[in-house]
Amino acid sequence: LRLVRAERTKSYDLMRTVQKAPEDV
């Protein structure tokens, strides 16, 4: 569970980074 939660957090951070990328990128 600890490993899955850590990986889920990484996936969430990646998803948010991609979603919040500037429009010109």
PDBML (XML) file of the C-alpha atoms, coordinates in Angstrom:
<?xml version="1.0" encoding="UTF-8" ?>
<PDBx:datablock datablockName="MODEL"
   xmlns:PDBx="http://pdbml.pdb.org/schema/pdbx-v50.xsd"
   xmlns:xsi="http://www.w3.org/2001/XMLSchema-instance"
   xsi:schemaLocation="http://pdbml.pdb.org/schema/pdbx-v50.xsd pdbx-v50.xsd">
   <PDBx:atom_siteCategory>
      <PDBx:atom_site id="1">
         <PDBx:B_iso_or_equiv>0.00</PDBx:B_iso_or_equiv>
         <PDBx:Cartn_x>0.000</PDBx:Cartn_x>
         <PDBx:Cartn_y>0.000</PDBx:Cartn_y>
         <PDBx:Cartn_z>0.000</PDBx:Cartn_z>
         <PDBx:auth_asym_id>A</PDBx:auth_asym_id>
         <PDBx:auth_atom_id>CA</PDBx:auth_atom_id>
         <PDBx:auth_comp_id>LEU</PDBx:auth_comp_id>
         <PDBx:auth_seq_id>1</PDBx:auth_seq_id>
         <PDBx:group_PDB>ATOM</PDBx:group_PDB>
         <PDBx:label_alt_id xsi:nil="true" />
         <PDBx:label_asym_id>A</PDBx:label_asym_id>
         <PDBx:label_atom_id>CA</PDBx:label_atom_id>
         <PDBx:label_comp_id>LEU</PDBx:label_comp_id>
         <PDBx:label_entity_id>1</PDBx:label_entity_id>
         <PDBx:label_seq_id>1</PDBx:label_seq_id>
         <PDBx:occupancy>1.00</PDBx:occupancy>
         <PDBx:pdbx_PDB_model_num>1</PDBx:pdbx_PDB_model_num>
         <PDBx:type_symbol>C</PDBx:type_symbol>
      </PDBx:atom_site>
      <PDBx:atom_site id="2">
         <PDBx:B_iso_or_equiv>0.00</PDBx:B_iso_or_equiv>
         <PDBx:Cartn_x>2.827</PDBx:Cartn_x>
         <PDBx:Cartn_y>2.386</PDBx:Cartn_y>
         <PDBx:Cartn_z>0.811</PDBx:Cartn_z>
         <PDBx:auth_asym_id>A</PDBx:auth_asym_id>
         <PDBx:auth_atom_id>CA</PDBx:auth_atom_id>
         <PDBx:auth_comp_id>ARG</PDBx:auth_comp_id>
         <PDBx:auth_seq_id>2</PDBx:auth_seq_id>
         <PDBx:group_PDB>ATOM</PDBx:group_PDB>
         <PDBx:label_alt_id xsi:nil="true" />
         <PDBx:label_asym_id>A</PDBx:label_asym_id>
         <PDBx:label_atom_id>CA</PDBx:label_atom_id>
         <PDBx:label_comp_id>ARG</PDBx:label_comp_id>
         <PDBx:label_entity_id>1</PDBx:label_entity_id>
         <PDBx:label_seq_id>2</PDBx:label_seq_id>
         <PDBx:occupancy>1.00</PDBx:occupancy>
         <PDBx:pdbx_PDB_model_num>1</PDBx:pdbx_PDB_model_num>
         <PDBx:type_symbol>C</PDBx:type_symbol>
      </PDBx:atom_site>
      <PDBx:atom_site id="3">
         <PDBx:B_iso_or_equiv>0.00</PDBx:B_iso_or_equiv>
         <PDBx:Cartn_x>4.493</PDBx:Cartn_x>
         <PDBx:Cartn_y>1.653</PDBx:Cartn_y>
         <PDBx:Cartn_z>-2.542</PDBx:Cartn_z>
         <PDBx:auth_asym_id>A</PDBx:auth_asym_id>
         <PDBx:auth_atom_id>CA</PDBx:auth_atom_id>
         <PDBx:auth_comp_id>LEU</PDBx:auth_comp_id>
         <PDBx:auth_seq_id>3</PDBx:auth_seq_id>
         <PDBx:group_PDB>ATOM</PDBx:group_PDB>
         <PDBx:label_alt_id xsi:nil="true" />
         <PDBx:label_asym_id>A</PDBx:label_asym_id>
         <PDBx:label_atom_id>CA</PDBx:label_atom_id>
         <PDBx:label_comp_id>LEU</PDBx:label_comp_id>
         <PDBx:label_entity_id>1</PDBx:label_entity_id>
         <PDBx:label_seq_id>3</PDBx:label_seq_id>
         <PDBx:occupancy>1.00</PDBx:occupancy>
         <PDBx:pdbx_PDB_model_num>1</PDBx:pdbx_PDB_model_num>
         <PDBx:type_symbol>C</PDBx:type_symbol>
      </PDBx:atom_site>
      <PDBx:atom_site id="4">
         <PDBx:B_iso_or_equiv>0.00</PDBx:B_iso_or_equiv>
         <PDBx:Cartn_x>1.239</PDBx:Cartn_x>
         <PDBx:Cartn_y>2.054</PDBx:Cartn_y>
         <PDBx:Cartn_z>-4.479</PDBx:Cartn_z>
         <PDBx:auth_asym_id>A</PDBx:auth_asym_id>
         <PDBx:auth_atom_id>CA</PDBx:auth_atom_id>
         <PDBx:auth_comp_id>VAL</PDBx:auth_comp_id>
         <PDBx:auth_seq_id>4</PDBx:auth_seq_id>
         <PDBx:group_PDB>ATOM</PDBx:group_PDB>
         <PDBx:label_alt_id xsi:nil="true" />
         <PDBx:label_asym_id>A</PDBx:label_asym_id>
         <PDBx:label_atom_id>CA</PDBx:label_atom_id>
         <PDBx:label_comp_id>VAL</PDBx:label_comp_id>
         <PDBx:label_entity_id>1</PDBx:label_entity_id>
         <PDBx:label_seq_id>4</PDBx:label_seq_id>
         <PDBx:occupancy>1.00</PDBx:occupancy>
         <PDBx:pdbx_PDB_model_num>1</PDBx:pdbx_PDB_model_num>
         <PDBx:type_symbol>C</PDBx:type_symbol>
      </PDBx:atom_site>
      <PDBx:atom_site id="5">
         <PDBx:B_iso_or_equiv>0.00</PDBx:B_iso_or_equiv>
         <PDBx:Cartn_x>0.399</PDBx:Cartn_x>
         <PDBx:Cartn_y>5.330</PDBx:Cartn_y>
         <PDBx:Cartn_z>-2.744</PDBx:Cartn_z>
         <PDBx:auth_asym_id>A</PDBx:auth_asym_id>
         <PDBx:auth_atom_id>CA</PDBx:auth_atom_id>
         <PDBx:auth_comp_id>ARG</PDBx:auth_comp_id>
         <PDBx:auth_seq_id>5</PDBx:auth_seq_id>
         <PDBx:group_PDB>ATOM</PDBx:group_PDB>
         <PDBx:label_alt_id xsi:nil="true" />
         <PDBx:label_asym_id>A</PDBx:label_asym_id>
         <PDBx:label_atom_id>CA</PDBx:label_atom_id>
         <PDBx:label_comp_id>ARG</PDBx:label_comp_id>
         <PDBx:label_entity_id>1</PDBx:label_entity_id>
         <PDBx:label_seq_id>5</PDBx:label_seq_id>
         <PDBx:occupancy>1.00</PDBx:occupancy>
         <PDBx:pdbx_PDB_model_num>1</PDBx:pdbx_PDB_model_num>
         <PDBx:type_symbol>C</PDBx:type_symbol>
      </PDBx:atom_site>
      <PDBx:atom_site id="6">
         <PDBx:B_iso_or_equiv>0.00</PDBx:B_iso_or_equiv>
         <PDBx:Cartn_x>3.858</PDBx:Cartn_x>
         <PDBx:Cartn_y>6.707</PDBx:Cartn_y>
         <PDBx:Cartn_z>-3.566</PDBx:Cartn_z>
         <PDBx:auth_asym_id>A</PDBx:auth_asym_id>
         <PDBx:auth_atom_id>CA</PDBx:auth_atom_id>
         <PDBx:auth_comp_id>ALA</PDBx:auth_comp_id>
         <PDBx:auth_seq_id>6</PDBx:auth_seq_id>
         <PDBx:group_PDB>ATOM</PDBx:group_PDB>
         <PDBx:label_alt_id xsi:nil="true" />
         <PDBx:label_asym_id>A</PDBx:label_asym_id>
         <PDBx:label_atom_id>CA</PDBx:label_atom_id>
         <PDBx:label_comp_id>ALA</PDBx:label_comp_id>
         <PDBx:label_entity_id>1</PDBx:label_entity_id>
         <PDBx:label_seq_id>6</PDBx:label_seq_id>
         <PDBx:occupancy>1.00</PDBx:occupancy>
         <PDBx:pdbx_PDB_model_num>1</PDBx:pdbx_PDB_model_num>
         <PDBx:type_symbol>C</PDBx:type_symbol>
      </PDBx:atom_site>
      <PDBx:atom_site id="7">
         <PDBx:B_iso_or_equiv>0.00</PDBx:B_iso_or_equiv>
         <PDBx:Cartn_x>3.518</PDBx:Cartn_x>
         <PDBx:Cartn_y>5.699</PDBx:Cartn_y>
         <PDBx:Cartn_z>-7.220</PDBx:Cartn_z>
         <PDBx:auth_asym_id>A</PDBx:auth_asym_id>
         <PDBx:auth_atom_id>CA</PDBx:auth_atom_id>
         <PDBx:auth_comp_id>GLU</PDBx:auth_comp_id>
         <PDBx:auth_seq_id>7</PDBx:auth_seq_id>
         <PDBx:group_PDB>ATOM</PDBx:group_PDB>
         <PDBx:label_alt_id xsi:nil="true" />
         <PDBx:label_asym_id>A</PDBx:label_asym_id>
         <PDBx:label_atom_id>CA</PDBx:label_atom_id>
         <PDBx:label_comp_id>GLU</PDBx:label_comp_id>
         <PDBx:label_entity_id>1</PDBx:label_entity_id>
         <PDBx:label_seq_id>7</PDBx:label_seq_id>
         <PDBx:occupancy>1.00</PDBx:occupancy>
         <PDBx:pdbx_PDB_model_num>1</PDBx:pdbx_PDB_model_num>
         <PDBx:type_symbol>C</PDBx:type_symbol>
      </PDBx:atom_site>
      <PDBx:atom_site id="8">
         <PDBx:B_iso_or_equiv>0.00</PDBx:B_iso_or_equiv>
         <PDBx:Cartn_x>-0.002</PDBx:Cartn_x>
         <PDBx:Cartn_y>7.160</PDBx:Cartn_y>
         <PDBx:Cartn_z>-7.328</PDBx:Cartn_z>
         <PDBx:auth_asym_id>A</PDBx:auth_asym_id>
         <PDBx:auth_atom_id>CA</PDBx:auth_atom_id>
         <PDBx:auth_comp_id>ARG</PDBx:auth_comp_id>
         <PDBx:auth_seq_id>8</PDBx:auth_seq_id>
         <PDBx:group_PDB>ATOM</PDBx:group_PDB>
         <PDBx:label_alt_id xsi:nil="true" />
         <PDBx:label_asym_id>A</PDBx:label_asym_id>
         <PDBx:label_atom_id>CA</PDBx:label_atom_id>
         <PDBx:label_comp_id>ARG</PDBx:label_comp_id>
         <PDBx:label_entity_id>1</PDBx:label_entity_id>
         <PDBx:label_seq_id>8</PDBx:label_seq_id>
         <PDBx:occupancy>1.00</PDBx:occupancy>
         <PDBx:pdbx_PDB_model_num>1</PDBx:pdbx_PDB_model_num>
         <PDBx:type_symbol>C</PDBx:type_symbol>
      </PDBx:atom_site>
      <PDBx:atom_site id="9">
         <PDBx:B_iso_or_equiv>0.00</PDBx:B_iso_or_equiv>
         <PDBx:Cartn_x>1.366</PDBx:Cartn_x>
         <PDBx:Cartn_y>10.460</PDBx:Cartn_y>
         <PDBx:Cartn_z>-6.043</PDBx:Cartn_z>
         <PDBx:auth_asym_id>A</PDBx:auth_asym_id>
         <PDBx:auth_atom_id>CA</PDBx:auth_atom_id>
         <PDBx:auth_comp_id>THR</PDBx:auth_comp_id>
         <PDBx:auth_seq_id>9</PDBx:auth_seq_id>
         <PDBx:group_PDB>ATOM</PDBx:group_PDB>
         <PDBx:label_alt_id xsi:nil="true" />
         <PDBx:label_asym_id>A</PDBx:label_asym_id>
         <PDBx:label_atom_id>CA</PDBx:label_atom_id>
         <PDBx:label_comp_id>THR</PDBx:label_comp_id>
         <PDBx:label_entity_id>1</PDBx:label_entity_id>
         <PDBx:label_seq_id>9</PDBx:label_seq_id>
         <PDBx:occupancy>1.00</PDBx:occupancy>
         <PDBx:pdbx_PDB_model_num>1</PDBx:pdbx_PDB_model_num>
         <PDBx:type_symbol>C</PDBx:type_symbol>
      </PDBx:atom_site>
      <PDBx:atom_site id="10">
         <PDBx:B_iso_or_equiv>0.00</PDBx:B_iso_or_equiv>
         <PDBx:Cartn_x>4.035</PDBx:Cartn_x>
         <PDBx:Cartn_y>10.466</PDBx:Cartn_y>
         <PDBx:Cartn_z>-8.766</PDBx:Cartn_z>
         <PDBx:auth_asym_id>A</PDBx:auth_asym_id>
         <PDBx:auth_atom_id>CA</PDBx:auth_atom_id>
         <PDBx:auth_comp_id>LYS</PDBx:auth_comp_id>
         <PDBx:auth_seq_id>10</PDBx:auth_seq_id>
         <PDBx:group_PDB>ATOM</PDBx:group_PDB>
         <PDBx:label_alt_id xsi:nil="true" />
         <PDBx:label_asym_id>A</PDBx:label_asym_id>
         <PDBx:label_atom_id>CA</PDBx:label_atom_id>
         <PDBx:label_comp_id>LYS</PDBx:label_comp_id>
         <PDBx:label_entity_id>1</PDBx:label_entity_id>
         <PDBx:label_seq_id>10</PDBx:label_seq_id>
         <PDBx:occupancy>1.00</PDBx:occupancy>
         <PDBx:pdbx_PDB_model_num>1</PDBx:pdbx_PDB_model_num>
         <PDBx:type_symbol>C</PDBx:type_symbol>
      </PDBx:atom_site>
      <PDBx:atom_site id="11">
         <PDBx:B_iso_or_equiv>0.00</PDBx:B_iso_or_equiv>
         <PDBx:Cartn_x>1.392</PDBx:Cartn_x>
         <PDBx:Cartn_y>9.738</PDBx:Cartn_y>
         <PDBx:Cartn_z>-11.405</PDBx:Cartn_z>
         <PDBx:auth_asym_id>A</PDBx:auth_asym_id>
         <PDBx:auth_atom_id>CA</PDBx:auth_atom_id>
         <PDBx:auth_comp_id>SER</PDBx:auth_comp_id>
         <PDBx:auth_seq_id>11</PDBx:auth_seq_id>
         <PDBx:group_PDB>ATOM</PDBx:group_PDB>
         <PDBx:label_alt_id xsi:nil="true" />
         <PDBx:label_asym_id>A</PDBx:label_asym_id>
         <PDBx:label_atom_id>CA</PDBx:label_atom_id>
         <PDBx:label_comp_id>SER</PDBx:label_comp_id>
         <PDBx:label_entity_id>1</PDBx:label_entity_id>
         <PDBx:label_seq_id>11</PDBx:label_seq_id>
         <PDBx:occupancy>1.00</PDBx:occupancy>
         <PDBx:pdbx_PDB_model_num>1</PDBx:pdbx_PDB_model_num>
         <PDBx:type_symbol>C</PDBx:type_symbol>
      </PDBx:atom_site>
      <PDBx:atom_site id="12">
         <PDBx:B_iso_or_equiv>0.00</PDBx:B_iso_or_equiv>
         <PDBx:Cartn_x>-0.801</PDBx:Cartn_x>
         <PDBx:Cartn_y>12.541</PDBx:Cartn_y>
         <PDBx:Cartn_z>-10.077</PDBx:Cartn_z>
         <PDBx:auth_asym_id>A</PDBx:auth_asym_id>
         <PDBx:auth_atom_id>CA</PDBx:auth_atom_id>
         <PDBx:auth_comp_id>TYR</PDBx:auth_comp_id>
         <PDBx:auth_seq_id>12</PDBx:auth_seq_id>
         <PDBx:group_PDB>ATOM</PDBx:group_PDB>
         <PDBx:label_alt_id xsi:nil="true" />
         <PDBx:label_asym_id>A</PDBx:label_asym_id>
         <PDBx:label_atom_id>CA</PDBx:label_atom_id>
         <PDBx:label_comp_id>TYR</PDBx:label_comp_id>
         <PDBx:label_entity_id>1</PDBx:label_entity_id>
         <PDBx:label_seq_id>12</PDBx:label_seq_id>
         <PDBx:occupancy>1.00</PDBx:occupancy>
         <PDBx:pdbx_PDB_model_num>1</PDBx:pdbx_PDB_model_num>
         <PDBx:type_symbol>C</PDBx:type_symbol>
      </PDBx:atom_site>
      <PDBx:atom_site id="13">
         <PDBx:B_iso_or_equiv>0.00</PDBx:B_iso_or_equiv>
         <PDBx:Cartn_x>2.100</PDBx:Cartn_x>
         <PDBx:Cartn_y>14.991</PDBx:Cartn_y>
         <PDBx:Cartn_z>-10.128</PDBx:Cartn_z>
         <PDBx:auth_asym_id>A</PDBx:auth_asym_id>
         <PDBx:auth_atom_id>CA</PDBx:auth_atom_id>
         <PDBx:auth_comp_id>ASP</PDBx:auth_comp_id>
         <PDBx:auth_seq_id>13</PDBx:auth_seq_id>
         <PDBx:group_PDB>ATOM</PDBx:group_PDB>
         <PDBx:label_alt_id xsi:nil="true" />
         <PDBx:label_asym_id>A</PDBx:label_asym_id>
         <PDBx:label_atom_id>CA</PDBx:label_atom_id>
         <PDBx:label_comp_id>ASP</PDBx:label_comp_id>
         <PDBx:label_entity_id>1</PDBx:label_entity_id>
         <PDBx:label_seq_id>13</PDBx:label_seq_id>
         <PDBx:occupancy>1.00</PDBx:occupancy>
         <PDBx:pdbx_PDB_model_num>1</PDBx:pdbx_PDB_model_num>
         <PDBx:type_symbol>C</PDBx:type_symbol>
      </PDBx:atom_site>
      <PDBx:atom_site id="14">
         <PDBx:B_iso_or_equiv>0.00</PDBx:B_iso_or_equiv>
         <PDBx:Cartn_x>2.924</PDBx:Cartn_x>
         <PDBx:Cartn_y>14.013</PDBx:Cartn_y>
         <PDBx:Cartn_z>-13.724</PDBx:Cartn_z>
         <PDBx:auth_asym_id>A</PDBx:auth_asym_id>
         <PDBx:auth_atom_id>CA</PDBx:auth_atom_id>
         <PDBx:auth_comp_id>LEU</PDBx:auth_comp_id>
         <PDBx:auth_seq_id>14</PDBx:auth_seq_id>
         <PDBx:group_PDB>ATOM</PDBx:group_PDB>
         <PDBx:label_alt_id xsi:nil="true" />
         <PDBx:label_asym_id>A</PDBx:label_asym_id>
         <PDBx:label_atom_id>CA</PDBx:label_atom_id>
         <PDBx:label_comp_id>LEU</PDBx:label_comp_id>
         <PDBx:label_entity_id>1</PDBx:label_entity_id>
         <PDBx:label_seq_id>14</PDBx:label_seq_id>
         <PDBx:occupancy>1.00</PDBx:occupancy>
         <PDBx:pdbx_PDB_model_num>1</PDBx:pdbx_PDB_model_num>
         <PDBx:type_symbol>C</PDBx:type_symbol>
      </PDBx:atom_site>
      <PDBx:atom_site id="15">
         <PDBx:B_iso_or_equiv>0.00</PDBx:B_iso_or_equiv>
         <PDBx:Cartn_x>-0.701</PDBx:Cartn_x>
         <PDBx:Cartn_y>14.337</PDBx:Cartn_y>
         <PDBx:Cartn_z>-14.760</PDBx:Cartn_z>
         <PDBx:auth_asym_id>A</PDBx:auth_asym_id>
         <PDBx:auth_atom_id>CA</PDBx:auth_atom_id>
         <PDBx:auth_comp_id>MET</PDBx:auth_comp_id>
         <PDBx:auth_seq_id>15</PDBx:auth_seq_id>
         <PDBx:group_PDB>ATOM</PDBx:group_PDB>
         <PDBx:label_alt_id xsi:nil="true" />
         <PDBx:label_asym_id>A</PDBx:label_asym_id>
         <PDBx:label_atom_id>CA</PDBx:label_atom_id>
         <PDBx:label_comp_id>MET</PDBx:label_comp_id>
         <PDBx:label_entity_id>1</PDBx:label_entity_id>
         <PDBx:label_seq_id>15</PDBx:label_seq_id>
         <PDBx:occupancy>1.00</PDBx:occupancy>
         <PDBx:pdbx_PDB_model_num>1</PDBx:pdbx_PDB_model_num>
         <PDBx:type_symbol>C</PDBx:type_symbol>
      </PDBx:atom_site>
      <PDBx:atom_site id="16">
         <PDBx:B_iso_or_equiv>0.00</PDBx:B_iso_or_equiv>
         <PDBx:Cartn_x>-1.027</PDBx:Cartn_x>
         <PDBx:Cartn_y>17.801</PDBx:Cartn_y>
         <PDBx:Cartn_z>-13.191</PDBx:Cartn_z>
         <PDBx:auth_asym_id>A</PDBx:auth_asym_id>
         <PDBx:auth_atom_id>CA</PDBx:auth_atom_id>
         <PDBx:auth_comp_id>ARG</PDBx:auth_comp_id>
         <PDBx:auth_seq_id>16</PDBx:auth_seq_id>
         <PDBx:group_PDB>ATOM</PDBx:group_PDB>
         <PDBx:label_alt_id xsi:nil="true" />
         <PDBx:label_asym_id>A</PDBx:label_asym_id>
         <PDBx:label_atom_id>CA</PDBx:label_atom_id>
         <PDBx:label_comp_id>ARG</PDBx:label_comp_id>
         <PDBx:label_entity_id>1</PDBx:label_entity_id>
         <PDBx:label_seq_id>16</PDBx:label_seq_id>
         <PDBx:occupancy>1.00</PDBx:occupancy>
         <PDBx:pdbx_PDB_model_num>1</PDBx:pdbx_PDB_model_num>
         <PDBx:type_symbol>C</PDBx:type_symbol>
      </PDBx:atom_site>
      <PDBx:atom_site id="17">
         <PDBx:B_iso_or_equiv>0.00</PDBx:B_iso_or_equiv>
         <PDBx:Cartn_x>2.258</PDBx:Cartn_x>
         <PDBx:Cartn_y>18.959</PDBx:Cartn_y>
         <PDBx:Cartn_z>-14.729</PDBx:Cartn_z>
         <PDBx:auth_asym_id>A</PDBx:auth_asym_id>
         <PDBx:auth_atom_id>CA</PDBx:auth_atom_id>
         <PDBx:auth_comp_id>THR</PDBx:auth_comp_id>
         <PDBx:auth_seq_id>17</PDBx:auth_seq_id>
         <PDBx:group_PDB>ATOM</PDBx:group_PDB>
         <PDBx:label_alt_id xsi:nil="true" />
         <PDBx:label_asym_id>A</PDBx:label_asym_id>
         <PDBx:label_atom_id>CA</PDBx:label_atom_id>
         <PDBx:label_comp_id>THR</PDBx:label_comp_id>
         <PDBx:label_entity_id>1</PDBx:label_entity_id>
         <PDBx:label_seq_id>17</PDBx:label_seq_id>
         <PDBx:occupancy>1.00</PDBx:occupancy>
         <PDBx:pdbx_PDB_model_num>1</PDBx:pdbx_PDB_model_num>
         <PDBx:type_symbol>C</PDBx:type_symbol>
      </PDBx:atom_site>
      <PDBx:atom_site id="18">
         <PDBx:B_iso_or_equiv>0.00</PDBx:B_iso_or_equiv>
         <PDBx:Cartn_x>1.098</PDBx:Cartn_x>
         <PDBx:Cartn_y>17.897</PDBx:Cartn_y>
         <PDBx:Cartn_z>-18.176</PDBx:Cartn_z>
         <PDBx:auth_asym_id>A</PDBx:auth_asym_id>
         <PDBx:auth_atom_id>CA</PDBx:auth_atom_id>
         <PDBx:auth_comp_id>VAL</PDBx:auth_comp_id>
         <PDBx:auth_seq_id>18</PDBx:auth_seq_id>
         <PDBx:group_PDB>ATOM</PDBx:group_PDB>
         <PDBx:label_alt_id xsi:nil="true" />
         <PDBx:label_asym_id>A</PDBx:label_asym_id>
         <PDBx:label_atom_id>CA</PDBx:label_atom_id>
         <PDBx:label_comp_id>VAL</PDBx:label_comp_id>
         <PDBx:label_entity_id>1</PDBx:label_entity_id>
         <PDBx:label_seq_id>18</PDBx:label_seq_id>
         <PDBx:occupancy>1.00</PDBx:occupancy>
         <PDBx:pdbx_PDB_model_num>1</PDBx:pdbx_PDB_model_num>
         <PDBx:type_symbol>C</PDBx:type_symbol>
      </PDBx:atom_site>
      <PDBx:atom_site id="19">
         <PDBx:B_iso_or_equiv>0.00</PDBx:B_iso_or_equiv>
         <PDBx:Cartn_x>-2.342</PDBx:Cartn_x>
         <PDBx:Cartn_y>19.484</PDBx:Cartn_y>
         <PDBx:Cartn_z>-17.681</PDBx:Cartn_z>
         <PDBx:auth_asym_id>A</PDBx:auth_asym_id>
         <PDBx:auth_atom_id>CA</PDBx:auth_atom_id>
         <PDBx:auth_comp_id>GLN</PDBx:auth_comp_id>
         <PDBx:auth_seq_id>19</PDBx:auth_seq_id>
         <PDBx:group_PDB>ATOM</PDBx:group_PDB>
         <PDBx:label_alt_id xsi:nil="true" />
         <PDBx:label_asym_id>A</PDBx:label_asym_id>
         <PDBx:label_atom_id>CA</PDBx:label_atom_id>
         <PDBx:label_comp_id>GLN</PDBx:label_comp_id>
         <PDBx:label_entity_id>1</PDBx:label_entity_id>
         <PDBx:label_seq_id>19</PDBx:label_seq_id>
         <PDBx:occupancy>1.00</PDBx:occupancy>
         <PDBx:pdbx_PDB_model_num>1</PDBx:pdbx_PDB_model_num>
         <PDBx:type_symbol>C</PDBx:type_symbol>
      </PDBx:atom_site>
      <PDBx:atom_site id="20">
         <PDBx:B_iso_or_equiv>0.00</PDBx:B_iso_or_equiv>
         <PDBx:Cartn_x>-0.897</PDBx:Cartn_x>
         <PDBx:Cartn_y>22.783</PDBx:Cartn_y>
         <PDBx:Cartn_z>-16.452</PDBx:Cartn_z>
         <PDBx:auth_asym_id>A</PDBx:auth_asym_id>
         <PDBx:auth_atom_id>CA</PDBx:auth_atom_id>
         <PDBx:auth_comp_id>LYS</PDBx:auth_comp_id>
         <PDBx:auth_seq_id>20</PDBx:auth_seq_id>
         <PDBx:group_PDB>ATOM</PDBx:group_PDB>
         <PDBx:label_alt_id xsi:nil="true" />
         <PDBx:label_asym_id>A</PDBx:label_asym_id>
         <PDBx:label_atom_id>CA</PDBx:label_atom_id>
         <PDBx:label_comp_id>LYS</PDBx:label_comp_id>
         <PDBx:label_entity_id>1</PDBx:label_entity_id>
         <PDBx:label_seq_id>20</PDBx:label_seq_id>
         <PDBx:occupancy>1.00</PDBx:occupancy>
         <PDBx:pdbx_PDB_model_num>1</PDBx:pdbx_PDB_model_num>
         <PDBx:type_symbol>C</PDBx:type_symbol>
      </PDBx:atom_site>
      <PDBx:atom_site id="21">
         <PDBx:B_iso_or_equiv>0.00</PDBx:B_iso_or_equiv>
         <PDBx:Cartn_x>1.652</PDBx:Cartn_x>
         <PDBx:Cartn_y>23.115</PDBx:Cartn_y>
         <PDBx:Cartn_z>-19.236</PDBx:Cartn_z>
         <PDBx:auth_asym_id>A</PDBx:auth_asym_id>
         <PDBx:auth_atom_id>CA</PDBx:auth_atom_id>
         <PDBx:auth_comp_id>ALA</PDBx:auth_comp_id>
         <PDBx:auth_seq_id>21</PDBx:auth_seq_id>
         <PDBx:group_PDB>ATOM</PDBx:group_PDB>
         <PDBx:label_alt_id xsi:nil="true" />
         <PDBx:label_asym_id>A</PDBx:label_asym_id>
         <PDBx:label_atom_id>CA</PDBx:label_atom_id>
         <PDBx:label_comp_id>ALA</PDBx:label_comp_id>
         <PDBx:label_entity_id>1</PDBx:label_entity_id>
         <PDBx:label_seq_id>21</PDBx:label_seq_id>
         <PDBx:occupancy>1.00</PDBx:occupancy>
         <PDBx:pdbx_PDB_model_num>1</PDBx:pdbx_PDB_model_num>
         <PDBx:type_symbol>C</PDBx:type_symbol>
      </PDBx:atom_site>
      <PDBx:atom_site id="22">
         <PDBx:B_iso_or_equiv>0.00</PDBx:B_iso_or_equiv>
         <PDBx:Cartn_x>1.533</PDBx:Cartn_x>
         <PDBx:Cartn_y>26.486</PDBx:Cartn_y>
         <PDBx:Cartn_z>-21.005</PDBx:Cartn_z>
         <PDBx:auth_asym_id>A</PDBx:auth_asym_id>
         <PDBx:auth_atom_id>CA</PDBx:auth_atom_id>
         <PDBx:auth_comp_id>PRO</PDBx:auth_comp_id>
         <PDBx:auth_seq_id>22</PDBx:auth_seq_id>
         <PDBx:group_PDB>ATOM</PDBx:group_PDB>
         <PDBx:label_alt_id xsi:nil="true" />
         <PDBx:label_asym_id>A</PDBx:label_asym_id>
         <PDBx:label_atom_id>CA</PDBx:label_atom_id>
         <PDBx:label_comp_id>PRO</PDBx:label_comp_id>
         <PDBx:label_entity_id>1</PDBx:label_entity_id>
         <PDBx:label_seq_id>22</PDBx:label_seq_id>
         <PDBx:occupancy>1.00</PDBx:occupancy>
         <PDBx:pdbx_PDB_model_num>1</PDBx:pdbx_PDB_model_num>
         <PDBx:type_symbol>C</PDBx:type_symbol>
      </PDBx:atom_site>
      <PDBx:atom_site id="23">
         <PDBx:B_iso_or_equiv>0.00</PDBx:B_iso_or_equiv>
         <PDBx:Cartn_x>-0.651</PDBx:Cartn_x>
         <PDBx:Cartn_y>26.579</PDBx:Cartn_y>
         <PDBx:Cartn_z>-24.107</PDBx:Cartn_z>
         <PDBx:auth_asym_id>A</PDBx:auth_asym_id>
         <PDBx:auth_atom_id>CA</PDBx:auth_atom_id>
         <PDBx:auth_comp_id>GLU</PDBx:auth_comp_id>
         <PDBx:auth_seq_id>23</PDBx:auth_seq_id>
         <PDBx:group_PDB>ATOM</PDBx:group_PDB>
         <PDBx:label_alt_id xsi:nil="true" />
         <PDBx:label_asym_id>A</PDBx:label_asym_id>
         <PDBx:label_atom_id>CA</PDBx:label_atom_id>
         <PDBx:label_comp_id>GLU</PDBx:label_comp_id>
         <PDBx:label_entity_id>1</PDBx:label_entity_id>
         <PDBx:label_seq_id>23</PDBx:label_seq_id>
         <PDBx:occupancy>1.00</PDBx:occupancy>
         <PDBx:pdbx_PDB_model_num>1</PDBx:pdbx_PDB_model_num>
         <PDBx:type_symbol>C</PDBx:type_symbol>
      </PDBx:atom_site>
      <PDBx:atom_site id="24">
         <PDBx:B_iso_or_equiv>0.00</PDBx:B_iso_or_equiv>
         <PDBx:Cartn_x>2.266</PDBx:Cartn_x>
         <PDBx:Cartn_y>27.382</PDBx:Cartn_y>
         <PDBx:Cartn_z>-26.391</PDBx:Cartn_z>
         <PDBx:auth_asym_id>A</PDBx:auth_asym_id>
         <PDBx:auth_atom_id>CA</PDBx:auth_atom_id>
         <PDBx:auth_comp_id>ASP</PDBx:auth_comp_id>
         <PDBx:auth_seq_id>24</PDBx:auth_seq_id>
         <PDBx:group_PDB>ATOM</PDBx:group_PDB>
         <PDBx:label_alt_id xsi:nil="true" />
         <PDBx:label_asym_id>A</PDBx:label_asym_id>
         <PDBx:label_atom_id>CA</PDBx:label_atom_id>
         <PDBx:label_comp_id>ASP</PDBx:label_comp_id>
         <PDBx:label_entity_id>1</PDBx:label_entity_id>
         <PDBx:label_seq_id>24</PDBx:label_seq_id>
         <PDBx:occupancy>1.00</PDBx:occupancy>
         <PDBx:pdbx_PDB_model_num>1</PDBx:pdbx_PDB_model_num>
         <PDBx:type_symbol>C</PDBx:type_symbol>
      </PDBx:atom_site>
      <PDBx:atom_site id="25">
         <PDBx:B_iso_or_equiv>0.00</PDBx:B_iso_or_equiv>
         <PDBx:Cartn_x>3.947</PDBx:Cartn_x>
         <PDBx:Cartn_y>24.095</PDBx:Cartn_y>
         <PDBx:Cartn_z>-25.424</PDBx:Cartn_z>
         <PDBx:auth_asym_id>A</PDBx:auth_asym_id>
         <PDBx:auth_atom_id>CA</PDBx:auth_atom_id>
         <PDBx:auth_comp_id>VAL</PDBx:auth_comp_id>
         <PDBx:auth_seq_id>25</PDBx:auth_seq_id>
         <PDBx:group_PDB>ATOM</PDBx:group_PDB>
         <PDBx:label_alt_id xsi:nil="true" />
         <PDBx:label_asym_id>A</PDBx:label_asym_id>
         <PDBx:label_atom_id>CA</PDBx:label_atom_id>
         <PDBx:label_comp_id>VAL</PDBx:label_comp_id>
         <PDBx:label_entity_id>1</PDBx:label_entity_id>
         <PDBx:label_seq_id>25</PDBx:label_seq_id>
         <PDBx:occupancy>1.00</PDBx:occupancy>
         <PDBx:pdbx_PDB_model_num>1</PDBx:pdbx_PDB_model_num>
         <PDBx:type_symbol>C</PDBx:type_symbol>
      </PDBx:atom_site>
   </PDBx:atom_siteCategory>
</PDBx:datablock>
